[in-house]
Amino acid sequence: MAVTPTQFARTTRTSANWSDAKRRVLAAYREWIRAAPEIQTMYSIPFPVSAIRTRMRQEFERHRYVDKLPVVDVLLVQNNAEYQVS
């Protein structure tokens, strides 16, 4: 099955409040975790899916204590750009 460039495209938007930002971050995290097996296959990564998921979680945990809503929005935009490339 061919992947079109706009298949994973998301529109850029800002979070209305912290609960909206949290919901968006959790949705992004779940998308990455669910895509781990496909990413492993697509890029022929020689690690088990569990190791890939652990690394993904580490990247999300790295930004866990960001306390400014605009910064969270920028991180979400960067996340969406990286997810579209993968």
PDB file of N, CA and C in Angstrom:
ATOM      1  N   MET A   1       0.840  -1.171   0.000  1.00  0.00           N
ATOM      2  CA  MET A   1       0.000   0.000   0.000  1.00  0.00           C
ATOM      3  C   MET A   1       0.887   1.237   0.000  1.00  0.00           C
ATOM      4  N   ALA A   2       0.617   2.140  -0.905  1.00  0.00           N
ATOM      5  CA  ALA A   2       1.405   3.362  -1.018  1.00  0.00           C
ATOM      6  C   ALA A   2       0.981   4.372   0.038  1.00  0.00           C
ATOM      7  N   VAL A   3       1.961   5.101   0.539  1.00  0.00           N
ATOM      8  CA  VAL A   3       1.699   6.137   1.535  1.00  0.00           C
ATOM      9  C   VAL A   3       1.760   7.479   0.837  1.00  0.00           C
ATOM     10  N   THR A   4       0.689   8.245   0.932  1.00  0.00           N
ATOM     11  CA  THR A   4       0.678   9.582   0.332  1.00  0.00           C
ATOM     12  C   THR A   4       1.270  10.578   1.317  1.00  0.00           C
ATOM     13  N   PRO A   5       1.914  11.633   0.840  1.00  0.00           N
ATOM     14  CA  PRO A   5       2.556  12.596   1.742  1.00  0.00           C
ATOM     15  C   PRO A   5       1.597  13.264   2.717  1.00  0.00           C
ATOM     16  N   THR A   6       0.354  13.403   2.343  1.00  0.00           N
ATOM     17  CA  THR A   6      -0.597  14.081   3.224  1.00  0.00           C
ATOM     18  C   THR A   6      -1.389  13.131   4.107  1.00  0.00           C
ATOM     19  N   GLN A   7      -1.049  11.864   4.091  1.00  0.00           N
ATOM     20  CA  GLN A   7      -1.808  10.880   4.862  1.00  0.00           C
ATOM     21  C   GLN A   7      -1.784  11.180   6.362  1.00  0.00           C
ATOM     22  N   PHE A   8      -0.668  11.654   6.871  1.00  0.00           N
ATOM     23  CA  PHE A   8      -0.531  11.918   8.296  1.00  0.00           C
ATOM     24  C   PHE A   8      -0.578  13.414   8.617  1.00  0.00           C
ATOM     25  N   ALA A   9      -0.971  14.233   7.651  1.00  0.00           N
ATOM     26  CA  ALA A   9      -0.960  15.691   7.845  1.00  0.00           C
ATOM     27  C   ALA A   9      -1.959  16.118   8.907  1.00  0.00           C
ATOM     28  N   ARG A  10      -1.553  17.092   9.706  1.00  0.00           N
ATOM     29  CA  ARG A  10      -2.407  17.679  10.743  1.00  0.00           C
ATOM     30  C   ARG A  10      -2.370  19.191  10.578  1.00  0.00           C
ATOM     31  N   THR A  11      -3.477  19.834  10.844  1.00  0.00           N
ATOM     32  CA  THR A  11      -3.487  21.285  10.777  1.00  0.00           C
ATOM     33  C   THR A  11      -2.836  21.853  12.030  1.00  0.00           C
ATOM     34  N   THR A  12      -2.199  23.002  11.888  1.00  0.00           N
ATOM     35  CA  THR A  12      -1.553  23.653  13.015  1.00  0.00           C
ATOM     36  C   THR A  12      -2.603  24.403  13.812  1.00  0.00           C
ATOM     37  N   ARG A  13      -2.617  24.179  15.126  1.00  0.00           N
ATOM     38  CA  ARG A  13      -3.559  24.888  15.985  1.00  0.00           C
ATOM     39  C   ARG A  13      -2.937  25.065  17.357  1.00  0.00           C
ATOM     40  N   THR A  14      -3.528  25.945  18.147  1.00  0.00           N
ATOM     41  CA  THR A  14      -3.041  26.171  19.495  1.00  0.00           C
ATOM     42  C   THR A  14      -3.997  25.543  20.491  1.00  0.00           C
ATOM     43  N   SER A  15      -3.478  25.214  21.639  1.00  0.00           N
ATOM     44  CA  SER A  15      -4.292  24.621  22.697  1.00  0.00           C
ATOM     45  C   SER A  15      -5.092  25.711  23.398  1.00  0.00           C
ATOM     46  N   ALA A  16      -6.348  25.422  23.669  1.00  0.00           N
ATOM     47  CA  ALA A  16      -7.215  26.391  24.339  1.00  0.00           C
ATOM     48  C   ALA A  16      -6.856  26.519  25.819  1.00  0.00           C
ATOM     49  N   ASN A  17      -6.471  25.391  26.442  1.00  0.00           N
ATOM     50  CA  ASN A  17      -6.120  25.387  27.865  1.00  0.00           C
ATOM     51  C   ASN A  17      -5.254  24.154  28.133  1.00  0.00           C
ATOM     52  N   TRP A  18      -4.908  23.966  29.398  1.00  0.00           N
ATOM     53  CA  TRP A  18      -4.013  22.856  29.736  1.00  0.00           C
ATOM     54  C   TRP A  18      -4.663  21.496  29.504  1.00  0.00           C
ATOM     55  N   SER A  19      -5.948  21.367  29.729  1.00  0.00           N
ATOM     56  CA  SER A  19      -6.592  20.069  29.513  1.00  0.00           C
ATOM     57  C   SER A  19      -6.613  19.726  28.025  1.00  0.00           C
ATOM     58  N   ASP A  20      -6.794  20.732  27.179  1.00  0.00           N
ATOM     59  CA  ASP A  20      -6.736  20.507  25.737  1.00  0.00           C
ATOM     60  C   ASP A  20      -5.326  20.097  25.318  1.00  0.00           C
ATOM     61  N   ALA A  21      -4.328  20.766  25.865  1.00  0.00           N
ATOM     62  CA  ALA A  21      -2.938  20.425  25.545  1.00  0.00           C
ATOM     63  C   ALA A  21      -2.617  19.002  25.996  1.00  0.00           C
ATOM     64  N   LYS A  22      -3.066  18.634  27.190  1.00  0.00           N
ATOM     65  CA  LYS A  22      -2.811  17.285  27.698  1.00  0.00           C
ATOM     66  C   LYS A  22      -3.457  16.238  26.802  1.00  0.00           C
ATOM     67  N   ARG A  23      -4.670  16.508  26.362  1.00  0.00           N
ATOM     68  CA  ARG A  23      -5.372  15.575  25.475  1.00  0.00           C
ATOM     69  C   ARG A  23      -4.615  15.415  24.161  1.00  0.00           C
ATOM     70  N   ARG A  24      -4.120  16.535  23.622  1.00  0.00           N
ATOM     71  CA  ARG A  24      -3.380  16.480  22.362  1.00  0.00           C
ATOM     72  C   ARG A  24      -2.053  15.738  22.510  1.00  0.00           C
ATOM     73  N   VAL A  25      -1.364  15.945  23.623  1.00  0.00           N
ATOM     74  CA  VAL A  25      -0.091  15.263  23.864  1.00  0.00           C
ATOM     75  C   VAL A  25      -0.326  13.756  24.003  1.00  0.00           C
ATOM     76  N   LEU A  26      -1.336  13.374  24.749  1.00  0.00           N
ATOM     77  CA  LEU A  26      -1.628  11.945  24.911  1.00  0.00           C
ATOM     78  C   LEU A  26      -2.022  11.301  23.588  1.00  0.00           C
ATOM     79  N   ALA A  27      -2.771  12.020  22.768  1.00  0.00           N
ATOM     80  CA  ALA A  27      -3.139  11.492  21.449  1.00  0.00           C
ATOM     81  C   ALA A  27      -1.901  11.297  20.582  1.00  0.00           C
ATOM     82  N   ALA A  28      -0.974  12.258  20.633  1.00  0.00           N
ATOM     83  CA  ALA A  28       0.267  12.146  19.859  1.00  0.00           C
ATOM     84  C   ALA A  28       1.101  10.966  20.350  1.00  0.00           C
ATOM     85  N   TYR A  29       1.179  10.814  21.669  1.00  0.00           N
ATOM     86  CA  TYR A  29       1.928   9.698  22.254  1.00  0.00           C
ATOM     87  C   TYR A  29       1.345   8.363  21.811  1.00  0.00           C
ATOM     88  N   ARG A  30       0.034   8.244  21.853  1.00  0.00           N
ATOM     89  CA  ARG A  30      -0.615   6.994  21.438  1.00  0.00           C
ATOM     90  C   ARG A  30      -0.380   6.695  19.957  1.00  0.00           C
ATOM     91  N   GLU A  31      -0.393   7.738  19.118  1.00  0.00           N
ATOM     92  CA  GLU A  31      -0.124   7.526  17.696  1.00  0.00           C
ATOM     93  C   GLU A  31       1.272   6.954  17.479  1.00  0.00           C
ATOM     94  N   TRP A  32       2.268   7.522  18.172  1.00  0.00           N
ATOM     95  CA  TRP A  32       3.638   7.020  18.034  1.00  0.00           C
ATOM     96  C   TRP A  32       3.751   5.580  18.516  1.00  0.00           C
ATOM     97  N   ILE A  33       3.161   5.298  19.673  1.00  0.00           N
ATOM     98  CA  ILE A  33       3.262   3.946  20.232  1.00  0.00           C
ATOM     99  C   ILE A  33       2.607   2.924  19.301  1.00  0.00           C
ATOM    100  N   ARG A  34       1.468   3.276  18.749  1.00  0.00           N
ATOM    101  CA  ARG A  34       0.786   2.360  17.824  1.00  0.00           C
ATOM    102  C   ARG A  34       1.551   2.183  16.524  1.00  0.00           C
ATOM    103  N   ALA A  35       2.310   3.198  16.116  1.00  0.00           N
ATOM    104  CA  ALA A  35       3.045   3.137  14.853  1.00  0.00           C
ATOM    105  C   ALA A  35       4.389   2.437  14.979  1.00  0.00           C
ATOM    106  N   ALA A  36       4.811   2.075  16.179  1.00  0.00           N
ATOM    107  CA  ALA A  36       6.138   1.482  16.377  1.00  0.00           C
ATOM    108  C   ALA A  36       6.385   0.247  15.507  1.00  0.00           C
ATOM    109  N   PRO A  37       5.467  -0.716  15.431  1.00  0.00           N
ATOM    110  CA  PRO A  37       5.740  -1.880  14.576  1.00  0.00           C
ATOM    111  C   PRO A  37       5.892  -1.511  13.097  1.00  0.00           C
ATOM    112  N   GLU A  38       5.075  -0.580  12.640  1.00  0.00           N
ATOM    113  CA  GLU A  38       5.166  -0.168  11.243  1.00  0.00           C
ATOM    114  C   GLU A  38       6.467   0.576  10.970  1.00  0.00           C
ATOM    115  N   ILE A  39       6.903   1.418  11.922  1.00  0.00           N
ATOM    116  CA  ILE A  39       8.165   2.147  11.770  1.00  0.00           C
ATOM    117  C   ILE A  39       9.333   1.168  11.746  1.00  0.00           C
ATOM    118  N   GLN A  40       9.270   0.150  12.600  1.00  0.00           N
ATOM    119  CA  GLN A  40      10.333  -0.858  12.625  1.00  0.00           C
ATOM    120  C   GLN A  40      10.432  -1.556  11.271  1.00  0.00           C
ATOM    121  N   THR A  41       9.309  -1.915  10.701  1.00  0.00           N
ATOM    122  CA  THR A  41       9.296  -2.595   9.404  1.00  0.00           C
ATOM    123  C   THR A  41       9.729  -1.667   8.280  1.00  0.00           C
ATOM    124  N   MET A  42       9.197  -0.448   8.282  1.00  0.00           N
ATOM    125  CA  MET A  42       9.457   0.496   7.198  1.00  0.00           C
ATOM    126  C   MET A  42      10.940   0.863   7.105  1.00  0.00           C
ATOM    127  N   TYR A  43      11.596   1.039   8.247  1.00  0.00           N
ATOM    128  CA  TYR A  43      12.993   1.450   8.259  1.00  0.00           C
ATOM    129  C   TYR A  43      13.959   0.311   8.571  1.00  0.00           C
ATOM    130  N   SER A  44      13.470  -0.903   8.662  1.00  0.00           N
ATOM    131  CA  SER A  44      14.298  -2.092   8.951  1.00  0.00           C
ATOM    132  C   SER A  44      15.176  -1.865  10.180  1.00  0.00           C
ATOM    133  N   ILE A  45      14.567  -1.442  11.266  1.00  0.00           N
ATOM    134  CA  ILE A  45      15.291  -1.173  12.505  1.00  0.00           C
ATOM    135  C   ILE A  45      15.581  -2.498  13.205  1.00  0.00           C
ATOM    136  N   PRO A  46      16.847  -2.769  13.553  1.00  0.00           N
ATOM    137  CA  PRO A  46      17.206  -4.076  14.123  1.00  0.00           C
ATOM    138  C   PRO A  46      16.952  -4.201  15.624  1.00  0.00           C
ATOM    139  N   PHE A  47      15.998  -3.471  16.165  1.00  0.00           N
ATOM    140  CA  PHE A  47      15.664  -3.547  17.584  1.00  0.00           C
ATOM    141  C   PHE A  47      14.241  -4.053  17.734  1.00  0.00           C
ATOM    142  N   PRO A  48      13.924  -4.679  18.854  1.00  0.00           N
ATOM    143  CA  PRO A  48      12.539  -5.117  19.058  1.00  0.00           C
ATOM    144  C   PRO A  48      11.610  -3.912  19.220  1.00  0.00           C
ATOM    145  N   VAL A  49      10.342  -4.127  18.959  1.00  0.00           N
ATOM    146  CA  VAL A  49       9.350  -3.060  19.054  1.00  0.00           C
ATOM    147  C   VAL A  49       9.326  -2.475  20.466  1.00  0.00           C
ATOM    148  N   SER A  50       9.534  -3.315  21.470  1.00  0.00           N
ATOM    149  CA  SER A  50       9.523  -2.818  22.847  1.00  0.00           C
ATOM    150  C   SER A  50      10.628  -1.792  23.081  1.00  0.00           C
ATOM    151  N   ALA A  51      11.789  -1.980  22.491  1.00  0.00           N
ATOM    152  CA  ALA A  51      12.891  -1.019  22.638  1.00  0.00           C
ATOM    153  C   ALA A  51      12.562   0.291  21.922  1.00  0.00           C
ATOM    154  N   ILE A  52      11.906   0.194  20.783  1.00  0.00           N
ATOM    155  CA  ILE A  52      11.513   1.392  20.039  1.00  0.00           C
ATOM    156  C   ILE A  52      10.483   2.179  20.849  1.00  0.00           C
ATOM    157  N   ARG A  53       9.532   1.477  21.425  1.00  0.00           N
ATOM    158  CA  ARG A  53       8.518   2.142  22.244  1.00  0.00           C
ATOM    159  C   ARG A  53       9.135   2.781  23.488  1.00  0.00           C
ATOM    160  N   THR A  54      10.115   2.124  24.077  1.00  0.00           N
ATOM    161  CA  THR A  54      10.796   2.694  25.242  1.00  0.00           C
ATOM    162  C   THR A  54      11.485   4.001  24.867  1.00  0.00           C
ATOM    163  N   ARG A  55      12.129   4.024  23.725  1.00  0.00           N
ATOM    164  CA  ARG A  55      12.806   5.245  23.265  1.00  0.00           C
ATOM    165  C   ARG A  55      11.804   6.354  22.986  1.00  0.00           C
ATOM    166  N   MET A  56      10.666   5.997  22.420  1.00  0.00           N
ATOM    167  CA  MET A  56       9.618   6.990  22.167  1.00  0.00           C
ATOM    168  C   MET A  56       9.132   7.593  23.485  1.00  0.00           C
ATOM    169  N   ARG A  57       8.924   6.741  24.466  1.00  0.00           N
ATOM    170  CA  ARG A  57       8.473   7.235  25.771  1.00  0.00           C
ATOM    171  C   ARG A  57       9.521   8.166  26.388  1.00  0.00           C
ATOM    172  N   GLN A  58      10.799   7.823  26.249  1.00  0.00           N
ATOM    173  CA  GLN A  58      11.854   8.680  26.784  1.00  0.00           C
ATOM    174  C   GLN A  58      11.806  10.067  26.158  1.00  0.00           C
ATOM    175  N   GLU A  59      11.519  10.139  24.876  1.00  0.00           N
ATOM    176  CA  GLU A  59      11.436  11.441  24.212  1.00  0.00           C
ATOM    177  C   GLU A  59      10.264  12.257  24.738  1.00  0.00           C
ATOM    178  N   PHE A  60       9.133  11.609  24.989  1.00  0.00           N
ATOM    179  CA  PHE A  60       7.998  12.336  25.551  1.00  0.00           C
ATOM    180  C   PHE A  60       8.282  12.739  26.999  1.00  0.00           C
ATOM    181  N   GLU A  61       8.912  11.865  27.764  1.00  0.00           N
ATOM    182  CA  GLU A  61       9.232  12.160  29.162  1.00  0.00           C
ATOM    183  C   GLU A  61      10.234  13.309  29.289  1.00  0.00           C
ATOM    184  N   ARG A  62      11.060  13.480  28.289  1.00  0.00           N
ATOM    185  CA  ARG A  62      12.062  14.538  28.310  1.00  0.00           C
ATOM    186  C   ARG A  62      11.415  15.921  28.440  1.00  0.00           C
ATOM    187  N   HIS A  63      10.211  16.058  27.898  1.00  0.00           N
ATOM    188  CA  HIS A  63       9.506  17.337  27.924  1.00  0.00           C
ATOM    189  C   HIS A  63       8.330  17.330  28.896  1.00  0.00           C
ATOM    190  N   ARG A  64       8.339  16.423  29.843  1.00  0.00           N
ATOM    191  CA  ARG A  64       7.206  16.250  30.746  1.00  0.00           C
ATOM    192  C   ARG A  64       6.890  17.491  31.582  1.00  0.00           C
ATOM    193  N   TYR A  65       7.903  18.201  32.011  1.00  0.00           N
ATOM    194  CA  TYR A  65       7.692  19.302  32.943  1.00  0.00           C
ATOM    195  C   TYR A  65       7.695  20.675  32.284  1.00  0.00           C
ATOM    196  N   VAL A  66       7.386  20.748  31.014  1.00  0.00           N
ATOM    197  CA  VAL A  66       7.238  22.041  30.341  1.00  0.00           C
ATOM    198  C   VAL A  66       6.009  22.716  30.924  1.00  0.00           C
ATOM    199  N   ASP A  67       6.166  23.964  31.365  1.00  0.00           N
ATOM    200  CA  ASP A  67       5.059  24.630  32.065  1.00  0.00           C
ATOM    201  C   ASP A  67       4.523  25.856  31.343  1.00  0.00           C
ATOM    202  N   LYS A  68       4.825  25.986  30.068  1.00  0.00           N
ATOM    203  CA  LYS A  68       4.307  27.100  29.282  1.00  0.00           C
ATOM    204  C   LYS A  68       3.499  26.541  28.110  1.00  0.00           C
ATOM    205  N   LEU A  69       2.262  26.964  28.013  1.00  0.00           N
ATOM    206  CA  LEU A  69       1.356  26.449  26.993  1.00  0.00           C
ATOM    207  C   LEU A  69       1.852  26.700  25.568  1.00  0.00           C
ATOM    208  N   PRO A  70       2.395  27.891  25.256  1.00  0.00           N
ATOM    209  CA  PRO A  70       2.914  28.089  23.893  1.00  0.00           C
ATOM    210  C   PRO A  70       4.071  27.145  23.552  1.00  0.00           C
ATOM    211  N   VAL A  71       4.880  26.800  24.528  1.00  0.00           N
ATOM    212  CA  VAL A  71       5.985  25.868  24.286  1.00  0.00           C
ATOM    213  C   VAL A  71       5.436  24.475  23.982  1.00  0.00           C
ATOM    214  N   VAL A  72       4.409  24.075  24.702  1.00  0.00           N
ATOM    215  CA  VAL A  72       3.766  22.779  24.438  1.00  0.00           C
ATOM    216  C   VAL A  72       3.215  22.758  23.015  1.00  0.00           C
ATOM    217  N   ASP A  73       2.606  23.863  22.583  1.00  0.00           N
ATOM    218  CA  ASP A  73       2.073  23.929  21.225  1.00  0.00           C
ATOM    219  C   ASP A  73       3.174  23.798  20.178  1.00  0.00           C
ATOM    220  N   VAL A  74       4.313  24.438  20.415  1.00  0.00           N
ATOM    221  CA  VAL A  74       5.441  24.328  19.482  1.00  0.00           C
ATOM    222  C   VAL A  74       5.950  22.888  19.445  1.00  0.00           C
ATOM    223  N   LEU A  75       6.050  22.254  20.605  1.00  0.00           N
ATOM    224  CA  LEU A  75       6.493  20.861  20.649  1.00  0.00           C
ATOM    225  C   LEU A  75       5.510  19.950  19.916  1.00  0.00           C
ATOM    226  N   LEU A  76       4.231  20.240  20.009  1.00  0.00           N
ATOM    227  CA  LEU A  76       3.239  19.439  19.290  1.00  0.00           C
ATOM    228  C   LEU A  76       3.353  19.629  17.777  1.00  0.00           C
ATOM    229  N   VAL A  77       3.635  20.846  17.345  1.00  0.00           N
ATOM    230  CA  VAL A  77       3.835  21.088  15.912  1.00  0.00           C
ATOM    231  C   VAL A  77       5.057  20.321  15.426  1.00  0.00           C
ATOM    232  N   GLN A  78       6.151  20.361  16.198  1.00  0.00           N
ATOM    233  CA  GLN A  78       7.353  19.606  15.834  1.00  0.00           C
ATOM    234  C   GLN A  78       7.065  18.105  15.823  1.00  0.00           C
ATOM    235  N   ASN A  79       6.280  17.648  16.794  1.00  0.00           N
ATOM    236  CA  ASN A  79       5.909  16.243  16.862  1.00  0.00           C
ATOM    237  C   ASN A  79       5.160  15.837  15.603  1.00  0.00           C
ATOM    238  N   ASN A  80       4.187  16.653  15.186  1.00  0.00           N
ATOM    239  CA  ASN A  80       3.410  16.315  14.010  1.00  0.00           C
ATOM    240  C   ASN A  80       4.281  16.295  12.754  1.00  0.00           C
ATOM    241  N   ALA A  81       5.243  17.203  12.675  1.00  0.00           N
ATOM    242  CA  ALA A  81       6.139  17.222  11.519  1.00  0.00           C
ATOM    243  C   ALA A  81       6.993  15.963  11.482  1.00  0.00           C
ATOM    244  N   GLU A  82       7.510  15.533  12.634  1.00  0.00           N
ATOM    245  CA  GLU A  82       8.326  14.321  12.669  1.00  0.00           C
ATOM    246  C   GLU A  82       7.485  13.079  12.390  1.00  0.00           C
ATOM    247  N   TYR A  83       6.259  13.063  12.881  1.00  0.00           N
ATOM    248  CA  TYR A  83       5.391  11.906  12.655  1.00  0.00           C
ATOM    249  C   TYR A  83       5.044  11.766  11.176  1.00  0.00           C
ATOM    250  N   GLN A  84       4.878  12.895  10.490  1.00  0.00           N
ATOM    251  CA  GLN A  84       4.564  12.843   9.063  1.00  0.00           C
ATOM    252  C   GLN A  84       5.738  12.297   8.255  1.00  0.00           C
ATOM    253  N   VAL A  85       6.953  12.562   8.702  1.00  0.00           N
ATOM    254  CA  VAL A  85       8.147  12.100   7.993  1.00  0.00           C
ATOM    255  C   VAL A  85       8.347  10.607   8.209  1.00  0.00           C
ATOM    256  N   SER A  86       8.018  10.117   9.402  1.00  0.00           N
ATOM    257  CA  SER A  86       8.282   8.701   9.695  1.00  0.00           C
ATOM    258  C   SER A  86       7.401   7.766   8.933  1.00  0.00           C
TER     259      SER A  86
END
